[in-house]
Amino acid sequence: MSGRMSPFIVLLCLVLLPVPAAASAAPQAVPAPQTAPAPQTAPAPQAAPASQTAAAPRIQLSAQEAGKGGTLTVTGSGWRPGTLLTLLICGQNMIGGTNACANGDGRAVTTGPDGSFRKDLPVAEPPKPCPCVVHAATVTGAPATADAPFTVAGHPVAPLPRAEPGGRLSVLAPPRLEGSSGLLTWFGAPARRRLVVTVGNVGATPAKDPVFEVGTSHGVFAPQWEERPWQGTVPAGRKQRIELPVELPAGAHGDYLVSLKYGGKVLAEQPWGVGRPWGVTLFWILLCVVVPAAVFRIGMAVVDRVRPRPGATRTKGRPWGKAVPRAPRRAAAAGRHRGPRAPAPRTAEPAPADGDAAAPLPWFTPDTAPSATTAPPTDPPTSKGSP
């Protein structure tokens, strides 16, 4: 038995011997993914400097000083790719905004895919004295600016203006009045509007909670100023839309002029035509008609109350209340009535004496009694040729 089992044991050992080798090879293949340094391939720490350079664009000049008519090469980096920029030479460090720059000799350039550019800029004298700078600013997209000091040879130099704590505001768009009048304004209520104006801060410091003055004038009279504080901040170099209330006195009408002043300087003026409150005029017309009519009615009532009654008349030596015969009113009124008068009734004459032979009969009146002298009517004259 042992001889027969020995070959099976040998075969079983040969079959089982490779199993430990394969099992040992499997653990060697498992650590292969661990050899790939995935966290090391992601350059996360290197992305931060790129974002910082994009947020801080800069420019460099080929020369720090040049005279009028020369050429200056401006290079920049750290800008957004494909962004349109403007290059200007400005005086007074561009404190007054682009009004201090040589805008007619400026240049435009577009940044490349890497955010850099290179452009030749002609040297021109700005309208303000030096110290001067070369100013680069974006035209499209998010605003971004960069300045580099530069000296224009032969250009005047003056100290910088004193910075104003409240900023320098100027009007960028024509002002307008918004709002409408209600029914009460037609009866003399104060007219109200909102003065809407867009201002820009051309100073070097932001204007925080500026206090404006709004004035209204009529005809040749001077405006009456009233303070109108505005809550908010206008950053330097930015613009802001501002709304301020405007109110006129009660019953005001005609042509008015609304003025806006800041820092002792008038920024804008806007005419305002206010309609006449016709409701007040209608009220006075009704008052002039109703009051006299009411006074007349009251006076007539007093007269009817005070005057004596129709059947009571005061005579000398007789007190009030004694009745005095008087013709009725209707009979007197009928006598004053114009028109054909009826014949007055004839009264019978007294009877004649007994010896009077010419006395008329009782049923005849003197003018209608027959008379013996009355000739009988004669025949009418006949015409010629009649029988």
Protein backbone atom coordinates (compact mmCIF):
# COMPACT_ATOMS: atom_id res chain seq x y z
CA MET A 1 0.00 0.00 0.00
CA SER A 2 2.75 2.34 0.79
CA GLY A 3 4.38 1.64 -2.59
CA ARG A 4 1.17 2.44 -4.44
CA MET A 5 0.55 5.64 -2.52
CA SER A 6 4.00 7.08 -3.07
CA PRO A 7 3.39 8.14 -6.71
CA PHE A 8 0.22 9.88 -5.72
CA ILE A 9 2.01 11.71 -2.99
CA VAL A 10 4.73 12.82 -5.42
CA LEU A 11 2.13 14.06 -7.92
CA LEU A 12 0.24 15.84 -5.19
CA CYS A 13 3.40 17.56 -4.09
CA LEU A 14 4.17 18.66 -7.67
CA VAL A 15 0.69 20.11 -8.01
CA LEU A 16 0.81 21.92 -4.74
CA LEU A 17 4.33 23.32 -5.19
CA PRO A 18 3.39 26.08 -7.82
CA VAL A 19 0.50 27.33 -5.70
CA PRO A 20 2.68 29.03 -3.12
CA ALA A 21 4.73 30.60 -5.97
CA ALA A 22 1.62 32.14 -7.59
CA ALA A 23 0.32 33.29 -4.28
CA SER A 24 3.63 34.89 -3.57
CA ALA A 25 3.62 36.59 -7.01
CA ALA A 26 0.17 38.11 -6.43
CA PRO A 27 1.19 40.24 -3.46
CA GLN A 28 4.12 41.58 -5.48
CA ALA A 29 1.72 42.89 -8.18
CA VAL A 30 -0.64 44.67 -5.71
CA PRO A 31 1.66 47.54 -4.72
CA ALA A 32 1.97 48.58 -8.41
CA PRO A 33 -0.79 51.31 -8.10
CA GLN A 34 0.97 52.67 -5.04
CA THR A 35 4.04 53.45 -7.12
CA ALA A 36 2.02 56.03 -9.20
CA PRO A 37 2.34 59.36 -7.30
CA ALA A 38 -1.10 60.77 -8.18
CA PRO A 39 -0.99 63.64 -5.67
CA GLN A 40 2.43 64.65 -6.96
CA THR A 41 1.28 65.00 -10.60
CA ALA A 42 -1.38 67.70 -9.76
CA PRO A 43 0.49 71.05 -9.52
CA ALA A 44 -2.07 72.64 -7.21
CA PRO A 45 0.42 74.79 -5.35
CA GLN A 46 1.74 76.14 -8.68
CA ALA A 47 -1.73 77.42 -9.75
CA ALA A 48 -1.82 80.06 -6.99
CA PRO A 49 1.02 82.20 -8.41
CA ALA A 50 -0.68 82.17 -11.84
CA SER A 51 -3.91 83.54 -10.39
CA GLN A 52 -2.00 86.13 -8.44
CA THR A 53 -0.24 87.41 -11.56
CA ALA A 54 -3.59 87.55 -13.42
CA ALA A 55 -5.11 89.64 -10.63
CA ALA A 56 -2.15 92.08 -10.68
CA PRO A 57 -1.51 93.25 -14.25
CA ARG A 58 1.56 95.39 -14.82
CA ILE A 59 3.28 97.36 -17.56
CA GLN A 60 6.92 98.20 -18.25
CA LEU A 61 8.40 101.06 -20.25
CA SER A 62 11.42 101.04 -22.52
CA ALA A 63 12.48 104.44 -21.19
CA GLN A 64 11.64 106.51 -18.13
CA GLU A 65 11.92 109.86 -19.94
CA ALA A 66 11.37 111.02 -23.50
CA GLY A 67 10.54 114.23 -25.31
CA LYS A 68 7.51 115.16 -27.36
CA GLY A 69 7.51 113.46 -30.75
CA GLY A 70 9.45 110.42 -29.59
CA THR A 71 8.33 106.83 -29.33
CA LEU A 72 7.93 104.75 -26.21
CA THR A 73 7.60 100.96 -26.15
CA VAL A 74 5.16 99.62 -23.59
CA THR A 75 5.11 95.94 -22.62
CA GLY A 76 2.64 94.31 -20.27
CA SER A 77 1.94 90.98 -18.61
CA GLY A 78 -0.56 89.45 -16.25
CA TRP A 79 -3.60 90.64 -18.23
CA ARG A 80 -6.54 88.50 -19.28
CA PRO A 81 -6.04 86.85 -22.66
CA GLY A 82 -7.71 88.55 -25.61
CA THR A 83 -8.52 91.76 -23.71
CA LEU A 84 -8.62 95.15 -25.42
CA LEU A 85 -6.52 97.80 -23.63
CA THR A 86 -5.96 101.54 -24.03
CA LEU A 87 -2.58 103.21 -23.45
CA LEU A 88 -2.46 106.90 -22.50
CA ILE A 89 0.08 109.42 -21.18
CA CYS A 90 -1.53 111.37 -18.33
CA GLY A 91 -0.49 114.29 -16.16
CA GLN A 92 -0.88 114.84 -12.41
CA ASN A 93 -0.69 111.06 -11.94
CA MET A 94 -4.17 110.88 -13.55
CA ILE A 95 -5.84 112.28 -10.44
CA GLY A 96 -8.46 114.05 -12.55
CA GLY A 97 -9.28 110.98 -14.62
CA THR A 98 -8.89 110.83 -18.38
CA ASN A 99 -9.36 114.62 -18.56
CA ALA A 100 -5.68 114.85 -17.59
CA CYS A 101 -4.54 112.51 -20.42
CA ALA A 102 -3.46 113.04 -24.02
CA ASN A 103 -6.44 111.15 -25.41
CA GLY A 104 -5.76 112.09 -29.03
CA ASP A 105 -2.37 110.33 -29.04
CA GLY A 106 -3.42 107.20 -27.18
CA ARG A 107 -3.16 103.68 -28.58
CA ALA A 108 -5.20 100.48 -28.33
CA VAL A 109 -3.77 96.97 -28.05
CA THR A 110 -5.13 93.45 -27.56
CA THR A 111 -3.41 91.02 -25.20
CA GLY A 112 -2.19 87.68 -26.43
CA PRO A 113 -3.15 84.18 -25.26
CA ASP A 114 -0.68 84.42 -22.38
CA GLY A 115 -1.99 87.85 -21.25
CA SER A 116 1.01 89.85 -22.48
CA PHE A 117 1.38 92.59 -25.09
CA ARG A 118 3.90 94.93 -26.68
CA LYS A 119 2.99 98.29 -28.24
CA ASP A 120 4.74 101.47 -29.39
CA LEU A 121 3.24 104.64 -27.93
CA PRO A 122 4.01 108.13 -29.30
CA VAL A 123 5.15 110.61 -26.66
CA ALA A 124 2.76 113.58 -26.31
CA GLU A 125 2.31 116.33 -23.75
CA PRO A 126 -0.77 115.82 -21.56
CA PRO A 127 -3.09 118.76 -20.75
CA LYS A 128 -2.01 118.67 -17.09
CA PRO A 129 1.52 119.22 -15.76
CA CYS A 130 3.74 116.40 -14.59
CA PRO A 131 4.36 114.18 -12.62
CA CYS A 132 3.09 111.97 -15.45
CA VAL A 133 2.24 108.31 -15.83
CA VAL A 134 1.54 105.86 -18.63
CA HIS A 135 -1.92 104.53 -17.95
CA ALA A 136 -3.22 101.17 -19.22
CA ALA A 137 -6.87 100.20 -18.72
CA THR A 138 -9.22 97.53 -20.02
CA VAL A 139 -12.00 98.48 -22.43
CA THR A 140 -14.04 95.27 -22.28
CA GLY A 141 -14.74 92.85 -19.47
CA ALA A 142 -13.93 93.41 -15.82
CA PRO A 143 -12.12 96.69 -15.14
CA ALA A 144 -8.37 96.51 -14.58
CA THR A 145 -5.73 99.25 -14.65
CA ALA A 146 -1.98 99.68 -14.31
CA ASP A 147 0.24 102.76 -14.20
CA ALA A 148 3.96 103.32 -14.75
CA PRO A 149 5.80 106.56 -13.89
CA PHE A 150 7.06 108.52 -16.89
CA THR A 151 8.57 111.95 -17.50
CA VAL A 152 7.84 114.04 -20.57
CA ALA A 153 10.95 116.10 -21.26
CA GLY A 154 10.25 119.81 -21.43
CA HIS A 155 6.74 119.53 -19.98
CA PRO A 156 5.87 121.71 -16.96
CA VAL A 157 5.98 120.17 -13.52
CA ALA A 158 3.66 121.24 -10.70
CA PRO A 159 2.79 119.85 -7.28
CA LEU A 160 -0.17 117.53 -7.11
CA PRO A 161 -3.53 119.01 -6.08
CA ARG A 162 -4.60 118.46 -2.52
CA ALA A 163 -6.72 115.37 -2.16
CA GLU A 164 -10.32 116.11 -1.20
CA PRO A 165 -11.74 113.88 1.54
CA GLY A 166 -15.15 113.65 -0.10
CA GLY A 167 -13.94 112.91 -3.60
CA ARG A 168 -14.63 114.93 -6.72
CA LEU A 169 -17.99 114.26 -8.34
CA SER A 170 -19.01 115.29 -11.83
CA VAL A 171 -22.15 114.64 -13.87
CA LEU A 172 -21.72 112.07 -16.63
CA ALA A 173 -25.25 112.09 -18.14
CA PRO A 174 -27.99 114.71 -18.47
CA PRO A 175 -30.27 114.77 -15.41
CA ARG A 176 -33.97 113.99 -15.62
CA LEU A 177 -37.07 114.26 -13.45
CA GLU A 178 -39.11 111.15 -12.78
CA GLY A 179 -42.57 110.87 -11.25
CA SER A 180 -46.05 112.28 -11.89
CA SER A 181 -48.60 114.49 -10.17
CA GLY A 182 -51.72 113.16 -8.49
CA LEU A 183 -55.25 114.47 -8.16
CA LEU A 184 -54.41 116.53 -5.09
CA THR A 185 -51.85 118.50 -7.08
CA TRP A 186 -54.72 119.69 -9.27
CA PHE A 187 -56.18 121.29 -6.13
CA GLY A 188 -52.94 122.97 -5.03
CA ALA A 189 -51.01 120.18 -3.27
CA PRO A 190 -47.18 120.41 -3.51
CA ALA A 191 -45.74 118.90 -6.70
CA ARG A 192 -43.10 116.20 -6.12
CA ARG A 193 -40.50 114.62 -8.42
CA ARG A 194 -37.26 112.59 -8.23
CA LEU A 195 -34.09 114.10 -9.68
CA VAL A 196 -32.13 111.25 -11.28
CA VAL A 197 -28.51 111.94 -12.22
CA THR A 198 -25.46 109.79 -12.97
CA VAL A 199 -22.27 111.08 -11.34
CA GLY A 200 -18.67 109.91 -11.52
CA ASN A 201 -15.90 110.26 -8.96
CA VAL A 202 -12.89 111.76 -10.71
CA GLY A 203 -10.97 112.18 -7.46
CA ALA A 204 -8.39 109.94 -5.86
CA THR A 205 -10.49 109.14 -2.77
CA PRO A 206 -13.97 107.62 -2.55
CA ALA A 207 -16.95 109.85 -1.80
CA LYS A 208 -18.76 108.35 1.19
CA ASP A 209 -22.30 109.52 2.05
CA PRO A 210 -22.09 112.73 -0.01
CA VAL A 211 -24.43 115.58 0.86
CA PHE A 212 -25.94 117.31 -2.18
CA GLU A 213 -27.88 120.55 -2.37
CA VAL A 214 -31.03 120.78 -4.48
CA GLY A 215 -32.42 124.21 -5.37
CA THR A 216 -35.56 125.36 -7.19
CA SER A 217 -35.90 128.78 -8.80
CA HIS A 218 -38.79 130.53 -10.57
CA GLY A 219 -38.25 133.30 -13.09
CA VAL A 220 -35.48 135.71 -12.13
CA PHE A 221 -35.41 134.70 -8.46
CA ALA A 222 -32.39 132.94 -6.98
CA PRO A 223 -32.75 129.23 -6.17
CA GLN A 224 -33.67 128.15 -2.67
CA TRP A 225 -31.20 125.44 -1.64
CA GLU A 226 -32.03 122.45 0.54
CA GLU A 227 -29.63 119.72 1.67
CA ARG A 228 -30.29 116.22 0.36
CA PRO A 229 -27.96 113.57 1.87
CA TRP A 230 -27.36 110.40 -0.11
CA GLN A 231 -26.48 107.15 1.62
CA GLY A 232 -23.75 105.23 -0.17
CA THR A 233 -20.20 105.40 -1.48
CA VAL A 234 -18.94 106.41 -4.91
CA PRO A 235 -15.52 104.76 -5.38
CA ALA A 236 -12.73 106.66 -7.07
CA GLY A 237 -12.92 106.33 -10.84
CA ARG A 238 -16.42 104.83 -10.76
CA LYS A 239 -19.90 106.14 -11.56
CA GLN A 240 -23.14 105.90 -9.61
CA ARG A 241 -26.83 106.57 -10.27
CA ILE A 242 -28.29 108.92 -7.66
CA GLU A 243 -31.94 109.81 -6.98
CA LEU A 244 -32.87 112.86 -4.89
CA PRO A 245 -36.39 114.09 -3.98
CA VAL A 246 -37.57 117.50 -5.19
CA GLU A 247 -40.66 119.29 -3.85
CA LEU A 248 -42.26 122.66 -4.70
CA PRO A 249 -44.42 124.86 -2.45
CA ALA A 250 -48.19 124.34 -2.39
CA GLY A 251 -49.96 125.94 -5.32
CA ALA A 252 -46.75 126.51 -7.29
CA HIS A 253 -47.13 126.59 -11.08
CA GLY A 254 -45.20 127.84 -14.07
CA ASP A 255 -41.64 127.28 -15.29
CA TYR A 256 -39.15 126.24 -12.61
CA LEU A 257 -35.46 125.35 -12.75
CA VAL A 258 -34.08 122.52 -10.59
CA SER A 259 -30.35 122.79 -9.78
CA LEU A 260 -27.96 120.28 -8.20
CA LYS A 261 -24.90 121.46 -6.27
CA TYR A 262 -22.07 119.57 -4.58
CA GLY A 263 -19.04 121.01 -2.85
CA GLY A 264 -20.11 124.57 -3.65
CA LYS A 265 -20.24 123.86 -7.41
CA VAL A 266 -23.40 123.54 -9.51
CA LEU A 267 -23.28 120.17 -11.24
CA ALA A 268 -26.50 120.15 -13.29
CA GLU A 269 -29.70 122.06 -14.03
CA GLN A 270 -33.02 120.71 -15.27
CA PRO A 271 -36.11 122.77 -16.27
CA TRP A 272 -39.51 121.77 -14.86
CA GLY A 273 -42.84 123.02 -16.18
CA VAL A 274 -45.61 122.79 -13.57
CA GLY A 275 -49.24 123.05 -14.67
CA ARG A 276 -51.73 125.43 -13.11
CA PRO A 277 -53.91 123.97 -10.31
CA TRP A 278 -57.25 124.49 -12.05
CA GLY A 279 -59.08 122.92 -9.13
CA VAL A 280 -58.26 125.99 -7.02
CA THR A 281 -59.58 128.29 -9.75
CA LEU A 282 -62.80 126.28 -9.95
CA PHE A 283 -63.15 126.49 -6.18
CA TRP A 284 -62.88 130.30 -6.19
CA ILE A 285 -65.40 130.59 -9.02
CA LEU A 286 -67.90 128.47 -7.11
CA LEU A 287 -67.18 130.48 -3.97
CA CYS A 288 -67.90 133.76 -5.78
CA VAL A 289 -71.21 132.37 -7.04
CA VAL A 290 -72.45 130.45 -4.02
CA VAL A 291 -71.60 132.99 -1.30
CA PRO A 292 -73.46 135.95 -2.86
CA ALA A 293 -76.44 133.72 -3.59
CA ALA A 294 -76.48 132.52 0.00
CA VAL A 295 -76.21 136.09 1.33
CA PHE A 296 -79.07 137.18 -0.92
CA ARG A 297 -81.30 134.35 0.28
CA ILE A 298 -80.50 135.12 3.90
CA GLY A 299 -81.24 138.82 3.35
CA MET A 300 -84.57 138.05 1.70
CA ALA A 301 -85.49 135.78 4.59
CA VAL A 302 -84.67 138.57 7.07
CA VAL A 303 -86.72 141.07 5.07
CA ASP A 304 -89.73 138.72 4.98
CA ARG A 305 -89.41 138.26 8.69
CA VAL A 306 -89.09 141.97 9.56
CA ARG A 307 -91.59 143.61 7.23
CA PRO A 308 -95.27 143.96 8.52
CA ARG A 309 -98.05 141.57 7.66
CA PRO A 310 -100.38 142.40 4.73
CA GLY A 311 -103.41 143.19 7.00
CA ALA A 312 -101.57 145.30 9.60
CA THR A 313 -100.54 148.92 8.89
CA ARG A 314 -99.37 151.49 11.36
CA THR A 315 -101.12 154.87 11.19
CA LYS A 316 -100.76 157.99 13.24
CA GLY A 317 -102.11 157.45 16.71
CA ARG A 318 -102.85 153.78 16.09
CA PRO A 319 -100.56 150.95 17.15
CA TRP A 320 -99.58 147.95 15.06
CA GLY A 321 -102.16 145.25 14.64
CA LYS A 322 -105.21 147.38 13.82
CA ALA A 323 -106.74 146.27 10.60
CA VAL A 324 -107.11 148.91 7.93
CA PRO A 325 -109.22 148.24 4.87
CA ARG A 326 -106.97 147.71 1.94
CA ALA A 327 -107.54 146.52 -1.56
CA PRO A 328 -106.48 142.96 -2.04
CA ARG A 329 -103.27 142.39 -3.84
CA ARG A 330 -104.77 140.40 -6.63
CA ALA A 331 -107.21 143.16 -7.50
CA ALA A 332 -104.42 145.73 -7.55
CA ALA A 333 -102.29 143.45 -9.63
CA ALA A 334 -105.16 142.91 -12.04
CA GLY A 335 -105.52 146.69 -12.41
CA ARG A 336 -101.82 146.95 -13.32
CA HIS A 337 -102.14 144.20 -15.89
CA ARG A 338 -101.56 145.47 -19.35
CA GLY A 339 -104.07 144.57 -22.04
CA PRO A 340 -107.49 145.57 -23.40
CA ARG A 341 -109.55 147.19 -20.67
CA ALA A 342 -113.08 145.99 -20.08
CA PRO A 343 -115.75 148.70 -20.19
CA ALA A 344 -116.49 150.11 -16.81
CA PRO A 345 -119.96 149.29 -15.49
CA ARG A 346 -122.33 152.16 -15.99
CA THR A 347 -124.28 153.36 -13.05
CA ALA A 348 -127.97 154.25 -13.42
CA GLU A 349 -128.72 157.97 -13.30
CA PRO A 350 -131.33 159.26 -10.82
CA ALA A 351 -134.90 159.35 -12.01
CA PRO A 352 -136.04 162.78 -13.44
CA ALA A 353 -138.72 164.89 -11.95
CA ASP A 354 -142.39 164.38 -12.70
CA GLY A 355 -142.66 167.38 -15.04
CA ASP A 356 -139.77 166.33 -17.26
CA ALA A 357 -141.32 164.97 -20.50
CA ALA A 358 -137.98 163.93 -22.02
CA ALA A 359 -137.31 161.35 -19.32
CA PRO A 360 -136.16 158.08 -20.90
CA LEU A 361 -137.80 154.82 -20.24
CA PRO A 362 -136.43 152.81 -17.38
CA TRP A 363 -134.98 150.11 -19.63
CA PHE A 364 -133.05 152.58 -21.78
CA THR A 365 -129.88 154.46 -20.96
CA PRO A 366 -129.56 158.05 -22.00
CA ASP A 367 -127.20 157.32 -24.82
CA THR A 368 -129.14 154.35 -26.18
CA ALA A 369 -132.71 155.73 -26.00
CA PRO A 370 -134.50 156.23 -29.35
CA SER A 371 -134.80 159.84 -30.50
CA ALA A 372 -137.49 161.40 -32.63
CA THR A 373 -134.96 163.44 -34.55
CA THR A 374 -133.21 160.39 -35.80
CA ALA A 375 -133.83 160.12 -39.52
CA PRO A 376 -134.75 156.79 -40.97
CA PRO A 377 -132.02 155.19 -42.94
CA THR A 378 -132.04 156.14 -46.57
CA ASP A 379 -131.56 153.84 -49.47
CA PRO A 380 -127.98 153.56 -50.60
CA PRO A 381 -127.16 155.43 -53.85
CA THR A 382 -127.63 153.37 -56.91
CA SER A 383 -124.95 153.04 -59.48
CA LYS A 384 -125.28 154.44 -62.95
CA GLY A 385 -127.43 152.37 -65.24
CA SER A 386 -129.17 150.43 -62.52
CA PRO A 387 -133.05 150.33 -62.51
